PDB file of all heavy atoms in Angstrom:
ATOM      1  N   ASN A   1      -3.858   1.516  -3.064  1.00  0.00           N
ATOM      2  CA  ASN A   1      -4.338   2.780  -2.489  1.00  0.00           C
ATOM      3  C   ASN A   1      -3.241   3.223  -1.482  1.00  0.00           C
ATOM      4  O   ASN A   1      -2.144   2.654  -1.422  1.00  0.00           O
ATOM      5  CB  ASN A   1      -5.687   2.621  -1.853  1.00  0.00           C
ATOM      6  CG  ASN A   1      -5.731   1.486  -0.855  1.00  0.00           C
ATOM      7  OD1 ASN A   1      -4.684   1.037  -0.329  1.00  0.00           O
ATOM      8  ND2 ASN A   1      -6.911   1.003  -0.559  1.00  0.00           N
ATOM      9  N   ALA A   2      -3.563   4.282  -0.724  1.00  0.00           N
ATOM     10  CA  ALA A   2      -2.601   4.797   0.248  1.00  0.00           C
ATOM     11  C   ALA A   2      -2.151   3.721   1.246  1.00  0.00           C
ATOM     12  O   ALA A   2      -1.016   3.594   1.593  1.00  0.00           O
ATOM     13  CB  ALA A   2      -3.182   6.012   0.954  1.00  0.00           C
ATOM     14  N   ASP A   3      -3.124   2.976   1.750  1.00  0.00           N
ATOM     15  CA  ASP A   3      -2.824   1.936   2.729  1.00  0.00           C
ATOM     16  C   ASP A   3      -1.948   0.861   2.180  1.00  0.00           C
ATOM     17  O   ASP A   3      -0.985   0.386   2.780  1.00  0.00           O
ATOM     18  CB  ASP A   3      -4.162   1.321   3.244  1.00  0.00           C
ATOM     19  CG  ASP A   3      -3.917   0.305   4.345  1.00  0.00           C
ATOM     20  OD1 ASP A   3      -3.319   0.652   5.393  1.00  0.00           O
ATOM     21  OD2 ASP A   3      -4.341  -0.857   4.176  1.00  0.00           O
ATOM     22  N   LYS A   4      -2.285   0.411   0.953  1.00  0.00           N
ATOM     23  CA  LYS A   4      -1.442  -0.638   0.344  1.00  0.00           C
ATOM     24  C   LYS A   4      -0.037  -0.138   0.068  1.00  0.00           C
ATOM     25  O   LYS A   4       0.944  -0.890   0.221  1.00  0.00           O
ATOM     26  CB  LYS A   4      -2.108  -1.091  -0.986  1.00  0.00           C
ATOM     27  CG  LYS A   4      -1.416  -2.271  -1.658  1.00  0.00           C
ATOM     28  CD  LYS A   4      -1.664  -3.552  -0.871  1.00  0.00           C
ATOM     29  CE  LYS A   4      -3.134  -3.944  -0.934  1.00  0.00           C
ATOM     30  NZ  LYS A   4      -3.442  -5.101  -0.092  1.00  0.00           N
ATOM     31  N   LEU A   5       0.115   1.106  -0.391  1.00  0.00           N
ATOM     32  CA  LEU A   5       1.422   1.651  -0.602  1.00  0.00           C
ATOM     33  C   LEU A   5       2.251   1.651   0.688  1.00  0.00           C
ATOM     34  O   LEU A   5       3.444   1.337   0.666  1.00  0.00           O
ATOM     35  CB  LEU A   5       1.261   3.097  -1.153  1.00  0.00           C
ATOM     36  CG  LEU A   5       2.577   3.804  -1.504  1.00  0.00           C
ATOM     37  CD1 LEU A   5       2.368   4.711  -2.734  1.00  0.00           C
ATOM     38  CD2 LEU A   5       3.095   4.688  -0.343  1.00  0.00           C
ATOM     39  N   LEU A   6       1.605   1.989   1.801  1.00  0.00           N
ATOM     40  CA  LEU A   6       2.345   2.006   3.059  1.00  0.00           C
ATOM     41  C   LEU A   6       2.699   0.589   3.500  1.00  0.00           C
ATOM     42  O   LEU A   6       3.762   0.325   4.105  1.00  0.00           O
ATOM     43  CB  LEU A   6       1.493   2.698   4.171  1.00  0.00           C
ATOM     44  CG  LEU A   6       1.243   4.184   3.919  1.00  0.00           C
ATOM     45  CD1 LEU A   6       0.317   4.742   5.012  1.00  0.00           C
ATOM     46  CD2 LEU A   6       2.553   4.963   3.895  1.00  0.00           C
ATOM     47  N   GLN A   7       1.795  -0.388   3.197  1.00  0.00           N
ATOM     48  CA  GLN A   7       2.122  -1.786   3.504  1.00  0.00           C
ATOM     49  C   GLN A   7       3.331  -2.238   2.724  1.00  0.00           C
ATOM     50  O   GLN A   7       4.180  -2.951   3.217  1.00  0.00           O
ATOM     51  CB  GLN A   7       0.940  -2.684   3.121  1.00  0.00           C
ATOM     52  CG  GLN A   7      -0.273  -2.609   4.009  1.00  0.00           C
ATOM     53  CD  GLN A   7      -1.389  -3.569   3.567  1.00  0.00           C
ATOM     54  OE1 GLN A   7      -1.137  -4.686   3.234  1.00  0.00           O
ATOM     55  NE2 GLN A   7      -2.622  -3.077   3.509  1.00  0.00           N
ATOM     56  N   MET A   8       3.452  -1.785   1.484  1.00  0.00           N
ATOM     57  CA  MET A   8       4.602  -2.114   0.669  1.00  0.00           C
ATOM     58  C   MET A   8       5.877  -1.567   1.253  1.00  0.00           C
ATOM     59  O   MET A   8       6.928  -2.250   1.182  1.00  0.00           O
ATOM     60  CB  MET A   8       4.422  -1.587  -0.750  1.00  0.00           C
ATOM     61  CG  MET A   8       3.335  -2.236  -1.583  1.00  0.00           C
ATOM     62  SD  MET A   8       3.100  -1.453  -3.210  1.00  0.00           S
ATOM     63  CE  MET A   8       4.716  -1.799  -3.960  1.00  0.00           C
ATOM     64  N   ARG A   9       5.827  -0.397   1.807  1.00  0.00           N
ATOM     65  CA  ARG A   9       6.997   0.223   2.385  1.00  0.00           C
ATOM     66  C   ARG A   9       7.437  -0.489   3.706  1.00  0.00           C
ATOM     67  O   ARG A   9       8.580  -0.527   4.016  1.00  0.00           O
ATOM     68  CB  ARG A   9       6.735   1.690   2.677  1.00  0.00           C
ATOM     69  CG  ARG A   9       6.748   2.575   1.368  1.00  0.00           C
ATOM     70  CD  ARG A   9       6.425   4.023   1.667  1.00  0.00           C
ATOM     71  NE  ARG A   9       6.690   4.838   0.490  1.00  0.00           N
ATOM     72  CZ  ARG A   9       7.813   5.529   0.276  1.00  0.00           C
ATOM     73  NH1 ARG A   9       8.761   5.547   1.206  1.00  0.00           N
ATOM     74  NH2 ARG A   9       7.997   6.247  -0.800  1.00  0.00           N
ATOM     75  N   ASP A  10       6.452  -1.057   4.403  1.00  0.00           N
ATOM     76  CA  ASP A  10       6.745  -1.669   5.661  1.00  0.00           C
ATOM     77  C   ASP A  10       6.999  -3.132   5.584  1.00  0.00           C
ATOM     78  O   ASP A  10       7.620  -3.746   6.482  1.00  0.00           O
ATOM     79  CB  ASP A  10       5.558  -1.465   6.652  1.00  0.00           C
ATOM     80  CG  ASP A  10       5.324   0.005   7.020  1.00  0.00           C
ATOM     81  OD1 ASP A  10       6.265   0.789   6.844  1.00  0.00           O
ATOM     82  OD2 ASP A  10       4.159   0.358   7.367  1.00  0.00           O
ATOM     83  N   ASP A  11       6.583  -3.787   4.479  1.00  0.00           N
ATOM     84  CA  ASP A  11       6.684  -5.249   4.353  1.00  0.00           C
ATOM     85  C   ASP A  11       7.247  -5.620   3.027  1.00  0.00           C
ATOM     86  O   ASP A  11       6.583  -5.561   1.993  1.00  0.00           O
ATOM     87  CB  ASP A  11       5.248  -5.796   4.525  1.00  0.00           C
ATOM     88  CG  ASP A  11       5.221  -7.344   4.451  1.00  0.00           C
ATOM     89  OD1 ASP A  11       6.305  -7.951   4.294  1.00  0.00           O
ATOM     90  OD2 ASP A  11       4.136  -7.899   4.558  1.00  0.00           O
ATOM     91  N   PRO A  12       8.546  -6.092   3.016  1.00  0.00           N
ATOM     92  CA  PRO A  12       9.125  -6.481   1.744  1.00  0.00           C
ATOM     93  C   PRO A  12       8.389  -7.555   1.016  1.00  0.00           C
ATOM     94  O   PRO A  12       8.398  -7.607  -0.248  1.00  0.00           O
ATOM     95  CB  PRO A  12      10.545  -7.008   2.219  1.00  0.00           C
ATOM     96  CG  PRO A  12      10.781  -6.268   3.477  1.00  0.00           C
ATOM     97  CD  PRO A  12       9.447  -6.174   4.135  1.00  0.00           C
ATOM     98  N   GLU A  13       7.704  -8.445   1.743  1.00  0.00           N
ATOM     99  CA  GLU A  13       6.915  -9.508   1.111  1.00  0.00           C
ATOM    100  C   GLU A  13       5.771  -8.920   0.350  1.00  0.00           C
ATOM    101  O   GLU A  13       5.468  -9.351  -0.792  1.00  0.00           O
ATOM    102  CB  GLU A  13       6.392 -10.460   2.186  1.00  0.00           C
ATOM    103  CG  GLU A  13       5.548 -11.607   1.572  1.00  0.00           C
ATOM    104  CD  GLU A  13       4.930 -12.492   2.661  1.00  0.00           C
ATOM    105  OE1 GLU A  13       5.167 -12.242   3.865  1.00  0.00           O
ATOM    106  OE2 GLU A  13       4.216 -13.443   2.293  1.00  0.00           O
ATOM    107  N   MET A  14       5.096  -7.905   0.910  1.00  0.00           N
ATOM    108  CA  MET A  14       3.978  -7.281   0.205  1.00  0.00           C
ATOM    109  C   MET A  14       4.522  -6.513  -1.012  1.00  0.00           C
ATOM    110  O   MET A  14       3.857  -6.518  -2.084  1.00  0.00           O
ATOM    111  CB  MET A  14       3.245  -6.327   1.145  1.00  0.00           C
ATOM    112  CG  MET A  14       2.076  -5.577   0.481  1.00  0.00           C
ATOM    113  SD  MET A  14       0.745  -6.675  -0.109  1.00  0.00           S
ATOM    114  CE  MET A  14       0.001  -7.104   1.460  1.00  0.00           C
ATOM    115  N   ASP A  15       5.648  -5.871  -0.863  1.00  0.00           N
ATOM    116  CA  ASP A  15       6.219  -5.086  -1.980  1.00  0.00           C
ATOM    117  C   ASP A  15       6.529  -6.017  -3.119  1.00  0.00           C
ATOM    118  O   ASP A  15       6.182  -5.752  -4.271  1.00  0.00           O
ATOM    119  CB  ASP A  15       7.500  -4.423  -1.502  1.00  0.00           C
ATOM    120  CG  ASP A  15       8.161  -3.579  -2.557  1.00  0.00           C
ATOM    121  OD1 ASP A  15       7.716  -2.460  -2.819  1.00  0.00           O
ATOM    122  OD2 ASP A  15       9.111  -4.101  -3.262  1.00  0.00           O
ATOM    123  N   ALA A  16       7.150  -7.189  -2.841  1.00  0.00           N
ATOM    124  CA  ALA A  16       7.453  -8.133  -3.913  1.00  0.00           C
ATOM    125  C   ALA A  16       6.198  -8.683  -4.535  1.00  0.00           C
ATOM    126  O   ALA A  16       6.108  -8.925  -5.745  1.00  0.00           O
ATOM    127  CB  ALA A  16       8.304  -9.267  -3.306  1.00  0.00           C
ATOM    128  N   CYS A  17       5.191  -8.907  -3.725  1.00  0.00           N
ATOM    129  CA  CYS A  17       3.927  -9.462  -4.200  1.00  0.00           C
ATOM    130  C   CYS A  17       3.246  -8.508  -5.209  1.00  0.00           C
ATOM    131  O   CYS A  17       2.863  -8.940  -6.275  1.00  0.00           O
ATOM    132  CB  CYS A  17       2.968  -9.739  -3.033  1.00  0.00           C
ATOM    133  SG  CYS A  17       1.326 -10.245  -3.544  1.00  0.00           S
ATOM    134  N   VAL A  18       3.166  -7.248  -4.857  1.00  0.00           N
ATOM    135  CA  VAL A  18       2.538  -6.269  -5.746  1.00  0.00           C
ATOM    136  C   VAL A  18       3.290  -6.153  -7.050  1.00  0.00           C
ATOM    137  O   VAL A  18       2.697  -6.109  -8.146  1.00  0.00           O
ATOM    138  CB  VAL A  18       2.443  -4.855  -5.050  1.00  0.00           C
ATOM    139  CG1 VAL A  18       1.943  -3.838  -6.039  1.00  0.00           C
ATOM    140  CG2 VAL A  18       1.559  -4.931  -3.850  1.00  0.00           C
ATOM    141  N   ARG A  19       4.618  -6.197  -6.966  1.00  0.00           N
ATOM    142  CA  ARG A  19       5.414  -6.091  -8.202  1.00  0.00           C
ATOM    143  C   ARG A  19       5.284  -7.342  -9.096  1.00  0.00           C
ATOM    144  O   ARG A  19       5.573  -7.279 -10.288  1.00  0.00           O
ATOM    145  CB  ARG A  19       6.889  -5.803  -7.848  1.00  0.00           C
ATOM    146  CG  ARG A  19       7.079  -4.485  -7.130  1.00  0.00           C
ATOM    147  CD  ARG A  19       8.482  -4.139  -6.797  1.00  0.00           C
ATOM    148  NE  ARG A  19       8.545  -2.960  -5.945  1.00  0.00           N
ATOM    149  CZ  ARG A  19       8.433  -1.706  -6.405  1.00  0.00           C
ATOM    150  NH1 ARG A  19       8.334  -1.512  -7.709  1.00  0.00           N
ATOM    151  NH2 ARG A  19       8.445  -0.691  -5.619  1.00  0.00           N
ATOM    152  N   ARG A  20       4.885  -8.474  -8.510  1.00  0.00           N
ATOM    153  CA  ARG A  20       4.667  -9.689  -9.306  1.00  0.00           C
ATOM    154  C   ARG A  20       3.337  -9.655 -10.048  1.00  0.00           C
ATOM    155  O   ARG A  20       3.127 -10.389 -11.004  1.00  0.00           O
ATOM    156  CB  ARG A  20       4.731 -10.920  -8.402  1.00  0.00           C
ATOM    157  CG  ARG A  20       6.122 -11.450  -8.127  1.00  0.00           C
ATOM    158  CD  ARG A  20       6.070 -12.907  -7.652  1.00  0.00           C
ATOM    159  NE  ARG A  20       5.273 -13.058  -6.456  1.00  0.00           N
ATOM    160  CZ  ARG A  20       5.715 -12.922  -5.190  1.00  0.00           C
ATOM    161  NH1 ARG A  20       6.967 -12.526  -5.030  1.00  0.00           N
ATOM    162  NH2 ARG A  20       4.953 -13.103  -4.147  1.00  0.00           N
ATOM    163  N   CYS A  21       2.404  -8.861  -9.529  1.00  0.00           N
ATOM    164  CA  CYS A  21       1.049  -8.904 -10.044  1.00  0.00           C
ATOM    165  C   CYS A  21       0.972  -8.543 -11.527  1.00  0.00           C
ATOM    166  O   CYS A  21       1.620  -7.594 -11.960  1.00  0.00           O
ATOM    167  CB  CYS A  21       0.119  -7.978  -9.235  1.00  0.00           C
ATOM    168  SG  CYS A  21      -0.212  -8.572  -7.559  1.00  0.00           S
ATOM    169  N   GLU A  22       0.126  -9.275 -12.234  1.00  0.00           N
ATOM    170  CA  GLU A  22      -0.001  -9.027 -13.669  1.00  0.00           C
ATOM    171  C   GLU A  22      -0.709  -7.690 -13.989  1.00  0.00           C
ATOM    172  O   GLU A  22      -0.436  -7.046 -15.011  1.00  0.00           O
ATOM    173  CB  GLU A  22      -0.781 -10.192 -14.325  1.00  0.00           C
ATOM    174  CG  GLU A  22       0.043 -11.439 -14.547  1.00  0.00           C
ATOM    175  CD  GLU A  22       0.482 -12.134 -13.268  1.00  0.00           C
ATOM    176  OE1 GLU A  22      -0.185 -11.954 -12.192  1.00  0.00           O
ATOM    177  OE2 GLU A  22       1.503 -12.854 -13.309  1.00  0.00           O
ATOM    178  N   ILE A  23      -1.633  -7.308 -13.112  1.00  0.00           N
ATOM    179  CA  ILE A  23      -2.335  -6.017 -13.310  1.00  0.00           C
ATOM    180  C   ILE A  23      -2.410  -5.301 -11.949  1.00  0.00           C
ATOM    181  O   ILE A  23      -2.824  -5.868 -10.943  1.00  0.00           O
ATOM    182  CB  ILE A  23      -3.770  -6.246 -13.838  1.00  0.00           C
ATOM    183  CG1 ILE A  23      -3.701  -6.880 -15.241  1.00  0.00           C
ATOM    184  CG2 ILE A  23      -4.521  -4.943 -13.887  1.00  0.00           C
ATOM    185  CD1 ILE A  23      -5.090  -7.137 -15.871  1.00  0.00           C
ATOM    186  N   VAL A  24      -1.942  -4.065 -11.917  1.00  0.00           N
ATOM    187  CA  VAL A  24      -1.947  -3.241 -10.720  1.00  0.00           C
ATOM    188  C   VAL A  24      -2.727  -1.949 -11.011  1.00  0.00           C
ATOM    189  O   VAL A  24      -2.292  -1.146 -11.820  1.00  0.00           O
ATOM    190  CB  VAL A  24      -0.534  -2.884 -10.227  1.00  0.00           C
ATOM    191  CG1 VAL A  24      -0.624  -2.085  -8.918  1.00  0.00           C
ATOM    192  CG2 VAL A  24       0.324  -4.116 -10.026  1.00  0.00           C
ATOM    193  N   ASN A  25      -3.897  -1.790 -10.388  1.00  0.00           N
ATOM    194  CA  ASN A  25      -4.722  -0.638 -10.606  1.00  0.00           C
ATOM    195  C   ASN A  25      -4.559   0.394  -9.492  1.00  0.00           C
ATOM    196  O   ASN A  25      -4.144   0.072  -8.361  1.00  0.00           O
ATOM    197  CB  ASN A  25      -6.213  -1.021 -10.710  1.00  0.00           C
ATOM    198  CG  ASN A  25      -6.535  -1.778 -11.954  1.00  0.00           C
ATOM    199  OD1 ASN A  25      -7.085  -2.849 -11.933  1.00  0.00           O
ATOM    200  ND2 ASN A  25      -6.204  -1.188 -13.078  1.00  0.00           N
ATOM    201  N   ALA A  26      -4.881   1.632  -9.806  1.00  0.00           N
ATOM    202  CA  ALA A  26      -4.952   2.678  -8.788  1.00  0.00           C
ATOM    203  C   ALA A  26      -6.317   2.650  -8.143  1.00  0.00           C
ATOM    204  O   ALA A  26      -7.285   3.173  -8.633  1.00  0.00           O
ATOM    205  CB  ALA A  26      -4.756   4.021  -9.469  1.00  0.00           C
ATOM    206  N   ASP A  27      -6.416   1.892  -7.015  1.00  0.00           N
ATOM    207  CA  ASP A  27      -7.676   1.730  -6.304  1.00  0.00           C
ATOM    208  C   ASP A  27      -7.656   2.696  -5.134  1.00  0.00           C
ATOM    209  O   ASP A  27      -7.407   2.314  -4.006  1.00  0.00           O
ATOM    210  CB  ASP A  27      -7.835   0.268  -5.825  1.00  0.00           C
ATOM    211  CG  ASP A  27      -9.121   0.086  -5.057  1.00  0.00           C
ATOM    212  OD1 ASP A  27      -9.951   1.005  -4.998  1.00  0.00           O
ATOM    213  OD2 ASP A  27      -9.316  -1.016  -4.456  1.00  0.00           O
ATOM    214  N   GLY A  28      -7.924   3.955  -5.417  1.00  0.00           N
ATOM    215  CA  GLY A  28      -7.882   4.980  -4.387  1.00  0.00           C
ATOM    216  C   GLY A  28      -7.678   6.309  -5.004  1.00  0.00           C
ATOM    217  O   GLY A  28      -6.765   6.516  -5.814  1.00  0.00           O
ATOM    218  N   ALA A  29      -8.523   7.292  -4.611  1.00  0.00           N
ATOM    219  CA  ALA A  29      -8.370   8.618  -5.118  1.00  0.00           C
ATOM    220  C   ALA A  29      -7.081   9.235  -4.722  1.00  0.00           C
ATOM    221  O   ALA A  29      -6.515  10.088  -5.426  1.00  0.00           O
ATOM    222  CB  ALA A  29      -9.559   9.493  -4.597  1.00  0.00           C
ATOM    223  N   SER A  30      -6.516   8.796  -3.600  1.00  0.00           N
ATOM    224  CA  SER A  30      -5.231   9.321  -3.110  1.00  0.00           C
ATOM    225  C   SER A  30      -4.105   9.036  -4.144  1.00  0.00           C
ATOM    226  O   SER A  30      -3.210   9.852  -4.341  1.00  0.00           O
ATOM    227  CB  SER A  30      -4.850   8.675  -1.796  1.00  0.00           C
ATOM    228  OG  SER A  30      -4.815   7.280  -1.886  1.00  0.00           O
ATOM    229  N   MET A  31      -4.157   7.874  -4.809  1.00  0.00           N
ATOM    230  CA  MET A  31      -3.109   7.557  -5.780  1.00  0.00           C
ATOM    231  C   MET A  31      -3.250   8.403  -7.029  1.00  0.00           C
ATOM    232  O   MET A  31      -2.220   8.854  -7.580  1.00  0.00           O
ATOM    233  CB  MET A  31      -3.240   6.062  -6.184  1.00  0.00           C
ATOM    234  CG  MET A  31      -2.931   5.099  -5.046  1.00  0.00           C
ATOM    235  SD  MET A  31      -1.215   5.225  -4.430  1.00  0.00           S
ATOM    236  CE  MET A  31      -0.349   4.553  -5.861  1.00  0.00           C
ATOM    237  N   VAL A  32      -4.474   8.631  -7.477  1.00  0.00           N
ATOM    238  CA  VAL A  32      -4.693   9.487  -8.633  1.00  0.00           C
ATOM    239  C   VAL A  32      -4.263  10.907  -8.322  1.00  0.00           C
ATOM    240  O   VAL A  32      -3.593  11.601  -9.156  1.00  0.00           O
ATOM    241  CB  VAL A  32      -6.155   9.436  -9.053  1.00  0.00           C
ATOM    242  CG1 VAL A  32      -6.387  10.356 -10.291  1.00  0.00           C
ATOM    243  CG2 VAL A  32      -6.553   8.020  -9.446  1.00  0.00           C
ATOM    244  N   MET A  33      -4.592  11.369  -7.158  1.00  0.00           N
ATOM    245  CA  MET A  33      -4.206  12.781  -6.731  1.00  0.00           C
ATOM    246  C   MET A  33      -2.716  12.892  -6.629  1.00  0.00           C
ATOM    247  O   MET A  33      -2.130  13.867  -7.122  1.00  0.00           O
ATOM    248  CB  MET A  33      -4.853  13.084  -5.392  1.00  0.00           C
ATOM    249  CG  MET A  33      -4.537  14.463  -4.823  1.00  0.00           C
ATOM    250  SD  MET A  33      -2.981  14.427  -3.845  1.00  0.00           S
ATOM    251  CE  MET A  33      -3.424  13.306  -2.533  1.00  0.00           C
ATOM    252  N   ALA A  34      -2.045  11.879  -6.048  1.00  0.00           N
ATOM    253  CA  ALA A  34      -0.588  11.910  -5.900  1.00  0.00           C
ATOM    254  C   ALA A  34       0.101  11.908  -7.282  1.00  0.00           C
ATOM    255  O   ALA A  34       1.050  12.631  -7.515  1.00  0.00           O
ATOM    256  CB  ALA A  34      -0.125  10.739  -5.060  1.00  0.00           C
ATOM    257  N   ALA A  35      -0.438  11.033  -8.180  1.00  0.00           N
ATOM    258  CA  ALA A  35       0.121  10.988  -9.512  1.00  0.00           C
ATOM    259  C   ALA A  35       0.039  12.317 -10.197  1.00  0.00           C
ATOM    260  O   ALA A  35       1.006  12.737 -10.880  1.00  0.00           O
ATOM    261  CB  ALA A  35      -0.610   9.908 -10.323  1.00  0.00           C
ATOM    262  N   LYS A  36      -1.069  12.981 -10.116  1.00  0.00           N
ATOM    263  CA  LYS A  36      -1.243  14.288 -10.743  1.00  0.00           C
ATOM    264  C   LYS A  36      -0.269  15.318 -10.185  1.00  0.00           C
ATOM    265  O   LYS A  36       0.348  16.075 -10.945  1.00  0.00           O
ATOM    266  CB  LYS A  36      -2.707  14.781 -10.560  1.00  0.00           C
ATOM    267  CG  LYS A  36      -3.024  16.089 -11.215  1.00  0.00           C
ATOM    268  CD  LYS A  36      -4.487  16.466 -11.026  1.00  0.00           C
ATOM    269  CE  LYS A  36      -4.793  17.831 -11.725  1.00  0.00           C
ATOM    270  NZ  LYS A  36      -6.210  18.188 -11.537  1.00  0.00           N
ATOM    271  N   LYS A  37      -0.082  15.305  -8.892  1.00  0.00           N
ATOM    272  CA  LYS A  37       0.832  16.212  -8.252  1.00  0.00           C
ATOM    273  C   LYS A  37       2.267  15.978  -8.687  1.00  0.00           C
ATOM    274  O   LYS A  37       3.068  16.923  -8.772  1.00  0.00           O
ATOM    275  CB  LYS A  37       0.696  16.165  -6.731  1.00  0.00           C
ATOM    276  CG  LYS A  37       1.440  17.273  -6.000  1.00  0.00           C
ATOM    277  CD  LYS A  37       1.119  17.244  -4.527  1.00  0.00           C
ATOM    278  CE  LYS A  37       1.800  18.356  -3.738  1.00  0.00           C
ATOM    279  NZ  LYS A  37       1.341  19.725  -4.213  1.00  0.00           N
ATOM    280  N   LEU A  38       2.603  14.738  -8.959  1.00  0.00           N
ATOM    281  CA  LEU A  38       3.960  14.346  -9.291  1.00  0.00           C
ATOM    282  C   LEU A  38       4.208  14.334 -10.840  1.00  0.00           C
ATOM    283  O   LEU A  38       5.246  13.981 -11.282  1.00  0.00           O
ATOM    284  CB  LEU A  38       4.286  13.002  -8.691  1.00  0.00           C
ATOM    285  CG  LEU A  38       4.301  12.919  -7.165  1.00  0.00           C
ATOM    286  CD1 LEU A  38       4.494  11.498  -6.693  1.00  0.00           C
ATOM    287  CD2 LEU A  38       5.384  13.843  -6.592  1.00  0.00           C
ATOM    288  N   GLY A  39       3.157  14.675 -11.595  1.00  0.00           N
ATOM    289  CA  GLY A  39       3.307  14.709 -13.029  1.00  0.00           C
ATOM    290  C   GLY A  39       3.243  13.334 -13.690  1.00  0.00           C
ATOM    291  O   GLY A  39       3.768  13.114 -14.787  1.00  0.00           O
ATOM    292  N   VAL A  40       2.614  12.323 -13.032  1.00  0.00           N
ATOM    293  CA  VAL A  40       2.514  10.999 -13.571  1.00  0.00           C
ATOM    294  C   VAL A  40       1.107  10.840 -14.126  1.00  0.00           C
ATOM    295  O   VAL A  40       0.120  11.163 -13.467  1.00  0.00           O
ATOM    296  CB  VAL A  40       2.766   9.928 -12.504  1.00  0.00           C
ATOM    297  CG1 VAL A  40       2.609   8.510 -13.080  1.00  0.00           C
ATOM    298  CG2 VAL A  40       4.147  10.111 -11.887  1.00  0.00           C
ATOM    299  N   ASP A  41       0.993  10.322 -15.329  1.00  0.00           N
ATOM    300  CA  ASP A  41      -0.305  10.223 -15.982  1.00  0.00           C
ATOM    301  C   ASP A  41      -1.067   8.941 -15.549  1.00  0.00           C
ATOM    302  O   ASP A  41      -0.694   7.850 -15.897  1.00  0.00           O
ATOM    303  CB  ASP A  41      -0.113  10.173 -17.523  1.00  0.00           C
ATOM    304  CG  ASP A  41      -1.472  10.193 -18.234  1.00  0.00           C
ATOM    305  OD1 ASP A  41      -2.454  10.673 -17.631  1.00  0.00           O
ATOM    306  OD2 ASP A  41      -1.524   9.752 -19.402  1.00  0.00           O
ATOM    307  N   LEU A  42      -2.099   9.120 -14.752  1.00  0.00           N
ATOM    308  CA  LEU A  42      -3.055   8.057 -14.363  1.00  0.00           C
ATOM    309  C   LEU A  42      -4.412   8.500 -14.783  1.00  0.00           C
ATOM    310  O   LEU A  42      -4.935   9.502 -14.307  1.00  0.00           O
ATOM    311  CB  LEU A  42      -3.073   7.825 -12.838  1.00  0.00           C
ATOM    312  CG  LEU A  42      -1.980   6.955 -12.253  1.00  0.00           C
ATOM    313  CD1 LEU A  42      -2.217   6.726 -10.767  1.00  0.00           C
ATOM    314  CD2 LEU A  42      -1.914   5.586 -12.951  1.00  0.00           C
ATOM    315  N   PRO A  43      -5.054   7.809 -15.748  1.00  0.00           N
ATOM    316  CA  PRO A  43      -6.283   8.291 -16.324  1.00  0.00           C
ATOM    317  C   PRO A  43      -7.466   8.322 -15.323  1.00  0.00           C
ATOM    318  O   PRO A  43      -8.290   9.229 -15.409  1.00  0.00           O
ATOM    319  CB  PRO A  43      -6.568   7.291 -17.450  1.00  0.00           C
ATOM    320  CG  PRO A  43      -5.839   6.072 -17.052  1.00  0.00           C
ATOM    321  CD  PRO A  43      -4.606   6.559 -16.377  1.00  0.00           C
ATOM    322  N   GLU A  44      -7.564   7.344 -14.426  1.00  0.00           N
ATOM    323  CA  GLU A  44      -8.713   7.303 -13.514  1.00  0.00           C
ATOM    324  C   GLU A  44      -8.481   6.280 -12.406  1.00  0.00           C
ATOM    325  O   GLU A  44      -7.633   5.399 -12.494  1.00  0.00           O
ATOM    326  CB  GLU A  44     -10.008   6.971 -14.265  1.00  0.00           C
ATOM    327  CG  GLU A  44     -10.008   5.591 -14.937  1.00  0.00           C
ATOM    328  CD  GLU A  44     -11.252   5.351 -15.747  1.00  0.00           C
ATOM    329  OE1 GLU A  44     -11.906   6.302 -16.177  1.00  0.00           O
ATOM    330  OE2 GLU A  44     -11.563   4.139 -15.988  1.00  0.00           O
ATOM    331  N   ARG A  45      -9.329   6.405 -11.421  1.00  0.00           N
ATOM    332  CA  ARG A  45      -9.315   5.399 -10.341  1.00  0.00           C
ATOM    333  C   ARG A  45     -10.103   4.159 -10.832  1.00  0.00           C
ATOM    334  O   ARG A  45     -11.126   4.307 -11.480  1.00  0.00           O
ATOM    335  CB  ARG A  45      -9.991   5.980  -9.098  1.00  0.00           C
ATOM    336  CG  ARG A  45     -10.151   5.006  -7.969  1.00  0.00           C
ATOM    337  CD  ARG A  45     -11.087   5.495  -6.909  1.00  0.00           C
ATOM    338  NE  ARG A  45     -11.228   4.565  -5.811  1.00  0.00           N
ATOM    339  CZ  ARG A  45     -12.232   4.575  -4.919  1.00  0.00           C
ATOM    340  NH1 ARG A  45     -13.197   5.526  -5.002  1.00  0.00           N
ATOM    341  NH2 ARG A  45     -12.289   3.659  -3.974  1.00  0.00           N
TER     342      ARG A  45
END
């Protein structure tokens, strides 16, 4: 979500961890909204 995305930007360890994850979901309406604005297809939260 928005908070996790900011954690990734501030903490290289968190960024690497998220990228290692086998499944990463959009857990947050902010992510779906941002994807739509940027033309990225995210079906749902």
